[in-house]
């Protein structure tokens, strides 16, 4: 940053700084009306126009203008083109004052500072969309003839304006956000509403933020494919810069456009391959949401808890400090903590009648204290042992249910045993339980990877049954029917056997008992 001239902002700190500022503001307003020079009467008139209503003597106004000239904020010239009839008229109208470049910069700096103090930052997705639109427009204008140079210049300036708005608003909002996270001592109602609204605002901004950032980056690539150097040259021709004495302003103008384009790339497509600033903004917003939600949770928690032990003890300490006499301290202690005689823990001697309540604890015999009371704060209780539950019937019921399930499973496998490759349609009508087992086998086989011969092999979860599935040799359809409905599908070839190649399934126990009898 270049060194600021030491006299540039002195008018803001000296005595009657308000009058100095009003005079400079009067010259600024005059410049907006294309009045480049003001005499003493014109300055006084412009002062009233900018809101200065206090009376100002000619000597004081001359002194103010003289100081501003001394600080190189105003320039003074003699007006030799006028005809003066009196010496007083010559004195009032001879000197003409105008803003210097330093005065214009000082006035602009003060105005900008006041705007920053009064403004609030914002995260505007519309700015991102406007940047992408201007980039697309530049990409189209680059293909048009030289008559579009002026439009290229105006579009490029609009693009830079949108980028400046994005940067300034983002910096301001981030600063306000960090101050909000550190804010303490504010009214809880206002604090809660502001933070809740900020969380909703950030969440709305983050919606499709990545997509918008990527759209801008893609638009930057399209413009650079057309050539940014040529784009700046055409924009320079469209700018129609006026001729100046000394150095050519074109070089500085092109360097400014190059720096602005580098700033655009830093936000959306960095040259070094690092993270774009728009993604860093995404992270900052998410971290801020988490922090704000945590603060809101703590506020809500404090609202739900009307008081706390810390506040209670502090209030009690104030009562102790304000007690007038020692007897009041003892009464306050007894009322606050409820500690009476030494037997407050509900412990008693074997024969409590032998120990009077008025006896001091230091003189009374000790009382045995249970270890459970010392560790957990509860006394031991001796009660009858709970009755052991008789689970004989439950065990018998579970055993019978397990036998029934095993018998049902054995009958299902027996019904599904093929003895060799068969078509799926050969099963015809099935019991619902057998149908469920068959569907389970088909699902396992179809999810397996075919081998070199195109066969799919799978086993049940217990490893007892193996199924080999072959693709249907034709376009036939198999229809399986149950009491609950029917299922149609390709007529696969299945071979269902016990694991290990056994040809028979274990029969149900009831069936084995009948065969043995």
Protein backbone atom coordinates (compact mmCIF):
# COMPACT_ATOMS: atom_id res chain seq x y z
CA UNK A 1 0.00 0.00 0.00
CA UNK A 2 1.35 3.41 -1.01
CA UNK A 3 2.00 5.98 1.70
CA UNK A 4 -0.92 8.40 2.15
CA UNK A 5 0.09 12.12 2.13
CA UNK A 6 0.20 13.28 5.76
CA UNK A 7 -1.99 16.36 5.16
CA UNK A 8 -4.65 14.51 3.18
CA UNK A 9 -7.07 13.76 6.02
CA UNK A 10 -5.99 16.37 8.55
CA UNK A 11 -9.26 18.27 8.02
CA UNK A 12 -11.09 15.42 9.82
CA UNK A 13 -9.15 15.80 13.11
CA UNK A 14 -8.60 19.53 13.60
CA UNK A 15 -10.90 21.97 15.34
CA UNK A 16 -14.06 22.80 13.33
CA UNK A 17 -13.59 19.55 11.41
CA UNK A 18 -17.32 19.56 10.68
CA UNK A 19 -17.02 22.87 8.81
CA UNK A 20 -14.00 21.68 6.85
CA UNK A 21 -15.90 18.53 5.87
CA UNK A 22 -18.97 20.53 4.86
CA UNK A 23 -16.86 22.83 2.63
CA UNK A 24 -15.23 19.87 0.86
CA UNK A 25 -18.64 18.24 0.48
CA UNK A 26 -19.94 21.47 -1.04
CA UNK A 27 -17.19 21.34 -3.67
CA UNK A 28 -18.03 17.67 -4.32
CA UNK A 29 -21.70 18.47 -4.91
CA UNK A 30 -20.70 21.34 -7.18
CA UNK A 31 -18.53 18.95 -9.20
CA UNK A 32 -21.54 16.67 -9.66
CA UNK A 33 -23.30 19.70 -11.22
CA UNK A 34 -20.25 20.31 -13.44
CA UNK A 35 -19.21 23.44 -11.56
CA UNK A 36 -15.44 23.25 -11.34
CA UNK A 37 -14.69 26.52 -9.52
CA UNK A 38 -16.51 28.34 -6.71
CA UNK A 39 -16.09 31.81 -5.29
CA UNK A 40 -16.81 32.86 -1.74
CA UNK A 41 -20.52 33.50 -2.32
CA UNK A 42 -20.92 30.26 -4.28
CA UNK A 43 -19.25 28.30 -1.44
CA UNK A 44 -21.65 29.83 1.08
CA UNK A 45 -24.63 28.93 -1.11
CA UNK A 46 -23.41 25.37 -1.58
CA UNK A 47 -22.91 25.04 2.19
CA UNK A 48 -26.61 25.66 2.68
CA UNK A 49 -27.37 23.10 -0.03
CA UNK A 50 -25.41 20.36 1.77
CA UNK A 51 -27.20 21.02 5.07
CA UNK A 52 -24.93 23.53 6.86
CA UNK A 53 -27.32 26.01 8.49
CA UNK A 54 -25.04 27.67 11.07
CA UNK A 55 -23.82 31.19 10.32
CA UNK A 56 -20.24 31.47 9.05
CA UNK A 57 -18.41 34.79 9.00
CA UNK A 58 -16.43 35.76 5.89
CA UNK A 59 -13.17 35.79 7.85
CA UNK A 60 -13.79 32.29 9.19
CA UNK A 61 -14.75 30.97 5.75
CA UNK A 62 -11.63 32.61 4.22
CA UNK A 63 -9.51 30.91 6.90
CA UNK A 64 -11.09 27.51 6.17
CA UNK A 65 -10.48 27.87 2.43
CA UNK A 66 -6.91 29.04 3.09
CA UNK A 67 -6.21 25.95 5.22
CA UNK A 68 -7.64 23.63 2.61
CA UNK A 69 -5.41 25.26 0.00
CA UNK A 70 -2.43 24.88 2.34
CA UNK A 71 -3.20 21.14 2.73
CA UNK A 72 -3.37 20.90 -1.12
CA UNK A 73 -6.99 19.82 -1.07
CA UNK A 74 -8.14 22.98 -2.90
CA UNK A 75 -6.58 24.99 -5.67
CA UNK A 76 -7.04 28.76 -5.89
CA UNK A 77 -6.80 30.93 -9.03
CA UNK A 78 -7.49 34.58 -9.80
CA UNK A 79 -10.46 35.27 -11.99
CA UNK A 80 -9.23 37.86 -14.51
CA UNK A 81 -12.22 37.44 -16.84
CA UNK A 82 -14.64 39.37 -14.62
CA UNK A 83 -15.24 43.10 -14.46
CA UNK A 84 -15.20 44.42 -10.90
CA UNK A 85 -16.94 47.68 -10.02
CA UNK A 86 -15.77 48.00 -6.41
CA UNK A 87 -12.88 46.83 -4.26
CA UNK A 88 -15.26 44.79 -2.11
CA UNK A 89 -16.61 43.02 -5.20
CA UNK A 90 -13.06 42.32 -6.36
CA UNK A 91 -12.19 40.82 -2.98
CA UNK A 92 -15.24 38.54 -2.95
CA UNK A 93 -15.22 37.41 -6.58
CA UNK A 94 -11.56 37.49 -7.56
CA UNK A 95 -10.48 34.25 -5.91
CA UNK A 96 -11.91 31.04 -7.38
CA UNK A 97 -11.43 27.70 -5.58
CA UNK A 98 -11.58 24.19 -7.03
CA UNK A 99 -10.84 20.67 -5.81
CA UNK A 100 -7.43 19.21 -6.51
CA UNK A 101 -6.89 15.51 -7.26
CA UNK A 102 -5.83 15.08 -3.65
CA UNK A 103 -8.98 16.85 -2.50
CA UNK A 104 -11.15 14.60 -4.68
CA UNK A 105 -9.39 11.54 -3.24
CA UNK A 106 -9.80 12.78 0.34
CA UNK A 107 -13.50 13.48 -0.17
CA UNK A 108 -14.03 10.11 -1.84
CA UNK A 109 -12.16 8.37 1.01
CA UNK A 110 -14.28 9.98 3.70
CA UNK A 111 -17.49 9.23 1.82
CA UNK A 112 -16.43 5.61 1.33
CA UNK A 113 -15.53 5.26 5.01
CA UNK A 114 -18.94 6.59 6.05
CA UNK A 115 -20.65 4.24 3.59
CA UNK A 116 -18.75 1.26 5.00
CA UNK A 117 -19.72 2.23 8.55
CA UNK A 118 -23.39 2.50 7.57
CA UNK A 119 -23.56 -0.48 5.22
CA UNK A 120 -24.12 -4.15 5.94
CA UNK A 121 -22.57 -7.03 4.03
CA UNK A 122 -24.62 -9.55 2.11
CA UNK A 123 -24.23 -12.89 0.38
CA UNK A 124 -26.09 -12.55 -2.89
CA UNK A 125 -26.42 -15.50 -5.24
CA UNK A 126 -27.82 -13.08 -7.82
CA UNK A 127 -24.33 -11.54 -8.13
CA UNK A 128 -22.89 -14.96 -9.03
CA UNK A 129 -25.53 -15.39 -11.71
CA UNK A 130 -24.85 -11.87 -13.02
CA UNK A 131 -21.11 -12.65 -13.26
CA UNK A 132 -21.84 -15.82 -15.22
CA UNK A 133 -24.21 -13.91 -17.55
CA UNK A 134 -21.63 -11.17 -18.25
CA UNK A 135 -18.95 -13.79 -18.99
CA UNK A 136 -21.25 -15.58 -21.44
CA UNK A 137 -22.03 -12.24 -23.07
CA UNK A 138 -18.31 -11.48 -23.44
CA UNK A 139 -17.75 -14.89 -25.00
CA UNK A 140 -20.40 -14.09 -27.63
CA UNK A 141 -19.17 -10.53 -28.24
CA UNK A 142 -15.63 -11.74 -28.94
CA UNK A 143 -16.93 -13.44 -32.08
CA UNK A 144 -18.60 -10.27 -33.37
CA UNK A 145 -16.88 -7.61 -35.56
CA UNK A 146 -15.08 -4.50 -34.32
CA UNK A 147 -18.35 -2.61 -34.02
CA UNK A 148 -18.93 -4.50 -30.76
CA UNK A 149 -15.86 -2.99 -29.03
CA UNK A 150 -17.95 -0.51 -27.07
CA UNK A 151 -20.28 -3.26 -25.90
CA UNK A 152 -17.26 -5.34 -24.87
CA UNK A 153 -15.99 -2.39 -22.83
CA UNK A 154 -19.33 -1.80 -21.08
CA UNK A 155 -19.85 -5.53 -20.43
CA UNK A 156 -16.33 -5.90 -19.02
CA UNK A 157 -16.89 -2.95 -16.70
CA UNK A 158 -20.21 -4.45 -15.55
CA UNK A 159 -18.41 -7.74 -14.87
CA UNK A 160 -15.78 -5.96 -12.77
CA UNK A 161 -18.50 -4.08 -10.91
CA UNK A 162 -20.27 -7.34 -10.04
CA UNK A 163 -16.97 -8.86 -8.89
CA UNK A 164 -16.24 -5.83 -6.69
CA UNK A 165 -19.72 -6.10 -5.19
CA UNK A 166 -19.17 -9.79 -4.47
CA UNK A 167 -15.80 -9.20 -2.80
CA UNK A 168 -16.85 -6.19 -0.74
CA UNK A 169 -20.16 -7.64 0.39
CA UNK A 170 -18.54 -10.96 1.27
CA UNK A 171 -15.80 -9.30 3.32
CA UNK A 172 -18.31 -7.09 5.12
CA UNK A 173 -20.69 -9.97 5.84
CA UNK A 174 -17.89 -12.22 7.06
CA UNK A 175 -16.71 -9.48 9.43
CA UNK A 176 -20.24 -8.97 10.76
CA UNK A 177 -20.67 -12.73 11.09
CA UNK A 178 -17.53 -13.09 13.19
CA UNK A 179 -18.61 -10.16 15.38
CA UNK A 180 -21.99 -11.80 15.80
CA UNK A 181 -20.36 -15.05 16.93
CA UNK A 182 -18.35 -13.11 19.53
CA UNK A 183 -21.24 -10.89 20.66
CA UNK A 184 -21.89 -11.00 24.38
CA UNK A 185 -24.16 -9.09 26.71
CA UNK A 186 -26.86 -8.48 24.08
CA UNK A 187 -30.56 -8.82 24.77
CA UNK A 188 -31.35 -12.53 24.62
CA UNK A 189 -34.57 -12.10 22.64
CA UNK A 190 -32.94 -9.93 19.96
CA UNK A 191 -29.81 -12.11 20.02
CA UNK A 192 -31.88 -15.26 19.48
CA UNK A 193 -33.90 -13.75 16.62
CA UNK A 194 -30.86 -12.34 14.82
CA UNK A 195 -28.87 -15.56 15.05
CA UNK A 196 -31.82 -17.71 13.99
CA UNK A 197 -32.42 -15.44 10.99
CA UNK A 198 -28.69 -15.54 10.13
CA UNK A 199 -28.70 -19.35 10.14
CA UNK A 200 -31.67 -19.39 7.76
CA UNK A 201 -29.94 -16.77 5.56
CA UNK A 202 -26.74 -18.84 5.34
CA UNK A 203 -28.62 -22.04 4.57
CA UNK A 204 -30.49 -20.28 1.76
CA UNK A 205 -27.20 -18.96 0.34
CA UNK A 206 -25.56 -22.41 0.35
CA UNK A 207 -28.31 -23.92 -1.82
CA UNK A 208 -26.75 -24.69 -5.24
CA UNK A 209 -23.67 -22.59 -4.38
CA UNK A 210 -21.35 -25.23 -5.83
CA UNK A 211 -23.31 -25.34 -9.08
CA UNK A 212 -23.19 -21.55 -9.45
CA UNK A 213 -19.45 -21.47 -8.74
CA UNK A 214 -18.81 -24.17 -11.33
CA UNK A 215 -20.94 -22.31 -13.87
CA UNK A 216 -18.80 -19.17 -13.43
CA UNK A 217 -15.57 -21.21 -13.72
CA UNK A 218 -16.80 -22.81 -16.95
CA UNK A 219 -17.71 -19.37 -18.33
CA UNK A 220 -14.19 -18.10 -17.50
CA UNK A 221 -12.70 -21.00 -19.48
CA UNK A 222 -14.90 -20.19 -22.49
CA UNK A 223 -13.83 -16.53 -22.49
CA UNK A 224 -10.14 -17.43 -22.16
CA UNK A 225 -10.44 -19.75 -25.15
CA UNK A 226 -11.34 -16.64 -27.15
CA UNK A 227 -8.23 -14.85 -25.83
CA UNK A 228 -8.21 -12.45 -22.89
CA UNK A 229 -5.43 -10.30 -24.37
CA UNK A 230 -7.52 -9.64 -27.49
CA UNK A 231 -10.54 -9.02 -25.26
CA UNK A 232 -8.69 -6.32 -23.32
CA UNK A 233 -7.40 -4.69 -26.50
CA UNK A 234 -10.90 -4.47 -27.93
CA UNK A 235 -12.23 -3.16 -24.61
CA UNK A 236 -9.48 -0.50 -24.70
CA UNK A 237 -10.62 0.63 -28.13
CA UNK A 238 -14.20 0.73 -26.86
CA UNK A 239 -13.16 2.75 -23.78
CA UNK A 240 -12.12 5.70 -25.98
CA UNK A 241 -9.70 7.09 -23.39
CA UNK A 242 -9.03 10.83 -23.77
CA UNK A 243 -5.52 11.96 -24.71
CA UNK A 244 -3.38 13.19 -21.82
CA UNK A 245 -0.09 14.98 -21.60
CA UNK A 246 2.85 12.82 -20.64
CA UNK A 247 2.53 9.03 -20.41
CA UNK A 248 -0.02 7.05 -22.37
CA UNK A 249 -2.89 5.92 -20.06
CA UNK A 250 -3.51 2.79 -22.14
CA UNK A 251 -0.78 0.75 -20.42
CA UNK A 252 -2.11 1.50 -16.95
CA UNK A 253 -5.67 0.81 -18.08
CA UNK A 254 -4.72 -2.59 -19.52
CA UNK A 255 -2.77 -3.47 -16.37
CA UNK A 256 -5.83 -2.66 -14.28
CA UNK A 257 -8.00 -4.95 -16.41
CA UNK A 258 -5.39 -7.72 -16.17
CA UNK A 259 -5.33 -7.43 -12.38
CA UNK A 260 -9.12 -7.55 -12.21
CA UNK A 261 -9.20 -10.71 -14.36
CA UNK A 262 -6.60 -12.32 -12.08
CA UNK A 263 -8.86 -11.49 -9.13
CA UNK A 264 -11.79 -13.15 -10.91
CA UNK A 265 -9.75 -16.31 -11.46
CA UNK A 266 -8.66 -16.33 -7.82
CA UNK A 267 -12.30 -16.51 -6.80
CA UNK A 268 -13.44 -19.20 -9.21
CA UNK A 269 -10.48 -20.77 -11.09
CA UNK A 270 -7.08 -20.17 -9.40
CA UNK A 271 -3.97 -20.32 -11.60
CA UNK A 272 -2.02 -22.39 -9.06
CA UNK A 273 -4.68 -25.11 -8.90
CA UNK A 274 -5.58 -24.28 -5.29
CA UNK A 275 -9.05 -24.10 -3.79
CA UNK A 276 -11.20 -21.30 -5.21
CA UNK A 277 -12.26 -18.64 -2.73
CA UNK A 278 -15.90 -19.42 -3.42
CA UNK A 279 -15.31 -22.89 -1.89
CA UNK A 280 -13.60 -21.30 1.12
CA UNK A 281 -16.69 -19.13 1.51
CA UNK A 282 -18.74 -22.34 1.44
CA UNK A 283 -16.67 -23.74 4.35
CA UNK A 284 -16.90 -20.48 6.31
CA UNK A 285 -20.68 -20.42 5.93
CA UNK A 286 -21.05 -24.04 7.07
CA UNK A 287 -18.79 -23.51 10.10
CA UNK A 288 -20.75 -20.39 10.97
CA UNK A 289 -24.03 -22.30 10.80
CA UNK A 290 -22.67 -24.94 13.19
CA UNK A 291 -21.34 -22.27 15.58
CA UNK A 292 -24.59 -20.30 15.51
CA UNK A 293 -26.66 -23.41 16.13
CA UNK A 294 -24.46 -24.30 19.10
CA UNK A 295 -24.89 -20.81 20.55
CA UNK A 296 -28.65 -20.96 19.98
CA UNK A 297 -28.76 -24.34 21.72
CA UNK A 298 -26.94 -22.91 24.72
CA UNK A 299 -29.35 -19.95 24.80
CA UNK A 300 -32.36 -22.27 24.64
CA UNK A 301 -30.85 -24.46 27.34
CA UNK A 302 -30.37 -21.45 29.61
CA UNK A 303 -33.97 -20.43 29.00
CA UNK A 304 -35.26 -23.88 29.90
CA UNK A 305 -33.26 -23.83 33.13
CA UNK A 306 -34.72 -20.95 35.14
CA UNK A 307 -31.81 -20.92 37.57
CA UNK A 308 -28.52 -22.63 38.24
CA UNK A 309 -26.52 -23.78 41.24
CA UNK A 310 -23.92 -21.10 40.57
CA UNK A 311 -26.51 -18.31 40.65
CA UNK A 312 -28.12 -19.80 43.76
CA UNK A 313 -24.84 -19.90 45.67
CA UNK A 314 -23.95 -16.36 44.61
CA UNK A 315 -27.31 -15.08 45.82
CA UNK A 316 -26.87 -17.02 49.08
CA UNK A 317 -23.42 -15.45 49.52
CA UNK A 318 -24.99 -12.00 49.19
CA UNK A 319 -27.51 -12.91 51.92
CA UNK A 320 -24.71 -14.08 54.19
CA UNK A 321 -22.78 -10.86 53.55
CA UNK A 322 -25.86 -8.77 54.38
CA UNK A 323 -26.77 -10.64 57.61
CA UNK A 324 -26.68 -8.14 60.53
CA UNK A 325 -25.61 -10.44 63.43
CA UNK A 326 -24.06 -13.87 63.90
CA UNK A 327 -27.34 -15.44 65.07
CA UNK A 328 -28.87 -14.52 61.70
CA UNK A 329 -26.00 -16.30 59.96
CA UNK A 330 -26.77 -19.51 61.86
CA UNK A 331 -30.48 -19.27 61.09
CA UNK A 332 -29.72 -18.66 57.40
CA UNK A 333 -27.37 -21.64 57.34
CA UNK A 334 -29.98 -23.90 58.90
CA UNK A 335 -32.70 -22.71 56.53
CA UNK A 336 -30.51 -23.03 53.43
CA UNK A 337 -28.97 -26.45 54.05
CA UNK A 338 -31.41 -28.07 56.48
CA UNK A 339 -28.64 -29.52 58.66
CA UNK A 340 -30.03 -30.20 62.15
CA UNK A 341 -28.56 -32.58 64.74
CA UNK A 342 -25.64 -34.86 63.98
CA UNK A 343 -28.06 -37.68 63.19
CA UNK A 344 -29.27 -35.93 60.01
CA UNK A 345 -28.11 -38.90 57.92
CA UNK A 346 -30.92 -41.00 59.40
CA UNK A 347 -28.46 -43.15 61.31
CA UNK A 348 -29.28 -44.18 64.88
CA UNK A 349 -27.64 -45.98 67.76
CA UNK A 350 -28.77 -49.50 68.62
CA UNK A 351 -30.81 -48.00 71.48
CA UNK A 352 -31.53 -44.35 70.56
CA UNK A 353 -33.42 -43.72 73.81
CA UNK A 354 -30.15 -43.97 75.77
CA UNK A 355 -28.66 -40.99 73.82
CA UNK A 356 -30.54 -37.71 74.35
CA UNK A 357 -30.96 -35.50 71.23
CA UNK A 358 -29.34 -32.57 73.02
CA UNK A 359 -26.05 -34.41 73.43
CA UNK A 360 -23.22 -32.93 71.33
CA UNK A 361 -21.93 -35.05 68.50
CA UNK A 362 -18.42 -34.83 69.89
CA UNK A 363 -19.54 -36.48 73.13
CA UNK A 364 -21.95 -39.07 71.67
CA UNK A 365 -20.66 -42.58 70.92
CA UNK A 366 -19.94 -43.29 67.22
CA UNK A 367 -22.52 -44.85 64.92
CA UNK A 368 -21.61 -47.55 62.44
CA UNK A 369 -21.87 -46.25 58.85
CA UNK A 370 -22.53 -48.62 55.99
CA UNK A 371 -19.96 -48.71 53.19
CA UNK A 372 -22.83 -48.42 50.71
CA UNK A 373 -23.83 -45.07 52.23
CA UNK A 374 -20.28 -43.74 51.88
CA UNK A 375 -19.95 -44.78 48.24
CA UNK A 376 -23.41 -44.27 46.75
CA UNK A 377 -25.28 -42.16 49.30
CA UNK A 378 -27.91 -44.86 49.90
CA UNK A 379 -28.43 -47.09 52.88
CA UNK A 380 -28.67 -50.86 52.74
CA UNK A 381 -32.06 -52.49 52.64
CA UNK A 382 -32.66 -56.07 53.69
CA UNK A 383 -35.79 -57.60 52.14
CA UNK A 384 -37.03 -61.04 51.22
CA UNK A 385 -35.29 -62.78 48.36
CA UNK A 386 -37.28 -62.66 45.14
CA UNK A 387 -38.98 -65.85 44.04
CA UNK A 388 -37.18 -67.74 41.29
CA UNK A 389 -39.32 -67.98 38.19
CA UNK A 390 -40.29 -71.44 36.96
CA UNK A 391 -39.32 -71.57 33.26
CA UNK A 392 -40.04 -75.27 32.68
CA UNK A 393 -43.14 -74.56 30.58
CA UNK A 394 -41.33 -71.86 28.56
CA UNK A 395 -38.44 -74.23 27.81
CA UNK A 396 -40.81 -76.97 26.73
CA UNK A 397 -42.71 -74.58 24.45
CA UNK A 398 -39.53 -73.37 22.81
CA UNK A 399 -38.24 -76.91 22.31
CA UNK A 400 -41.53 -77.96 20.69
CA UNK A 401 -41.47 -74.90 18.41
CA UNK A 402 -37.87 -75.67 17.39
CA UNK A 403 -38.78 -79.29 16.59
CA UNK A 404 -41.72 -78.13 14.46
CA UNK A 405 -39.52 -75.70 12.55
CA UNK A 406 -36.88 -78.36 11.90
CA UNK A 407 -39.54 -80.80 10.70
CA UNK A 408 -41.03 -78.16 8.39
CA UNK A 409 -37.59 -77.32 7.01
CA UNK A 410 -36.81 -80.99 6.38
CA UNK A 411 -40.13 -81.48 4.54
CA UNK A 412 -39.43 -78.40 2.41
CA UNK A 413 -35.96 -79.62 1.41
CA UNK A 414 -37.36 -83.09 0.72
CA UNK A 415 -39.98 -81.59 -1.59
CA UNK A 416 -37.37 -79.49 -3.38
CA UNK A 417 -34.79 -82.23 -3.93
CA UNK A 418 -34.57 -82.74 -7.68
CA UNK A 419 -32.27 -85.76 -7.95
CA UNK A 420 -30.87 -84.16 -11.10
CA UNK A 421 -31.36 -81.13 -13.39
CA UNK A 422 -35.05 -80.27 -13.82
CA UNK A 423 -36.99 -77.37 -15.30
CA UNK A 424 -38.43 -74.78 -12.94
CA UNK A 425 -41.89 -75.41 -14.34
CA UNK A 426 -41.76 -79.02 -13.07
CA UNK A 427 -42.49 -77.84 -9.51
CA UNK A 428 -46.03 -76.80 -10.44
CA UNK A 429 -48.08 -76.17 -7.30
CA UNK A 430 -46.19 -75.71 -4.02
CA UNK A 431 -46.92 -75.22 -0.36
CA UNK A 432 -46.29 -71.57 0.72
CA UNK A 433 -43.42 -72.59 3.04
CA UNK A 434 -41.76 -74.68 0.27
CA UNK A 435 -42.35 -71.83 -2.19
CA UNK A 436 -40.49 -69.40 0.10
CA UNK A 437 -37.50 -71.79 0.30
CA UNK A 438 -37.46 -72.12 -3.48
CA UNK A 439 -37.54 -68.34 -3.96
CA UNK A 440 -34.65 -68.00 -1.51
CA UNK A 441 -32.60 -70.53 -3.52
CA UNK A 442 -33.41 -68.77 -6.80
CA UNK A 443 -32.43 -65.38 -5.39
CA UNK A 444 -29.09 -66.69 -4.12
CA UNK A 445 -28.35 -68.40 -7.44
CA UNK A 446 -29.26 -65.37 -9.59
CA UNK A 447 -27.04 -63.09 -7.46
CA UNK A 448 -24.03 -65.41 -7.97
CA UNK A 449 -21.52 -64.85 -10.79
CA UNK A 450 -21.75 -67.38 -13.66
CA UNK A 451 -18.77 -69.69 -14.15
CA UNK A 452 -17.11 -70.53 -17.47
CA UNK A 453 -19.99 -72.88 -18.38
CA UNK A 454 -22.63 -70.26 -17.57
CA UNK A 455 -23.73 -72.06 -14.40
CA UNK A 456 -24.60 -70.18 -11.23
CA UNK A 457 -23.89 -71.94 -7.92
CA UNK A 458 -25.11 -70.93 -4.47
CA UNK A 459 -25.67 -72.44 -1.03
CA UNK A 460 -28.09 -71.74 1.80
CA UNK A 461 -27.00 -69.80 4.86
CA UNK A 462 -26.46 -72.97 6.93
CA UNK A 463 -24.43 -74.58 4.12
CA UNK A 464 -26.66 -77.66 3.93
CA UNK A 465 -28.25 -77.21 0.49
CA UNK A 466 -26.64 -76.36 -2.84
CA UNK A 467 -28.39 -75.15 -5.99
CA UNK A 468 -26.99 -75.07 -9.53
CA UNK A 469 -28.88 -72.80 -11.94
CA UNK A 470 -28.58 -73.04 -15.74
CA UNK A 471 -30.01 -70.54 -18.21
CA UNK A 472 -33.25 -71.69 -19.92
CA UNK A 473 -32.57 -73.53 -23.18
CA UNK A 474 -35.61 -71.94 -24.82
CA UNK A 475 -38.05 -69.09 -24.39
CA UNK A 476 -40.36 -71.12 -22.17
CA UNK A 477 -42.15 -69.63 -19.17
CA UNK A 478 -42.51 -71.33 -15.79
CA UNK A 479 -45.61 -70.70 -13.64
CA UNK A 480 -45.44 -71.58 -9.94
CA UNK A 481 -48.72 -71.66 -8.02
CA UNK A 482 -49.38 -71.42 -4.30
CA UNK A 483 -52.39 -70.83 -2.11
CA UNK A 484 -51.43 -67.14 -1.95
CA UNK A 485 -51.04 -66.59 -5.72
CA UNK A 486 -48.87 -67.49 -8.71
CA UNK A 487 -45.43 -66.46 -10.06
CA UNK A 488 -44.37 -66.51 -13.73
CA UNK A 489 -40.80 -66.26 -15.01
CA UNK A 490 -38.13 -67.81 -17.24
CA UNK A 491 -38.08 -71.60 -17.18
CA UNK A 492 -34.60 -72.10 -15.66
CA UNK A 493 -32.93 -75.48 -15.23
CA UNK A 494 -32.23 -76.28 -11.54
CA UNK A 495 -30.32 -78.96 -9.74
CA UNK A 496 -30.96 -78.91 -5.96
CA UNK A 497 -28.97 -81.29 -3.80
CA UNK A 498 -27.59 -81.51 -0.31
CA UNK A 499 -24.18 -79.92 0.13
CA UNK A 500 -21.27 -82.17 -0.72
CA UNK A 501 -23.13 -84.00 -3.44
CA UNK A 502 -25.38 -86.12 -1.20
CA UNK A 503 -28.47 -87.34 -2.98
CA UNK A 504 -30.83 -87.36 -0.02
CA UNK A 505 -31.96 -84.75 2.49
CA UNK A 506 -32.37 -85.46 6.21
CA UNK A 507 -35.92 -86.55 6.83
CA UNK A 508 -38.03 -85.15 9.64
CA UNK A 509 -37.61 -86.84 13.03
CA UNK A 510 -41.23 -87.99 13.04
CA UNK A 511 -40.72 -89.65 9.68
CA UNK A 512 -37.54 -91.38 10.91
CA UNK A 513 -39.36 -92.63 14.02
CA UNK A 514 -42.19 -94.07 11.90
CA UNK A 515 -39.65 -95.80 9.63
CA UNK A 516 -37.84 -97.26 12.63
CA UNK A 517 -41.12 -98.52 14.14
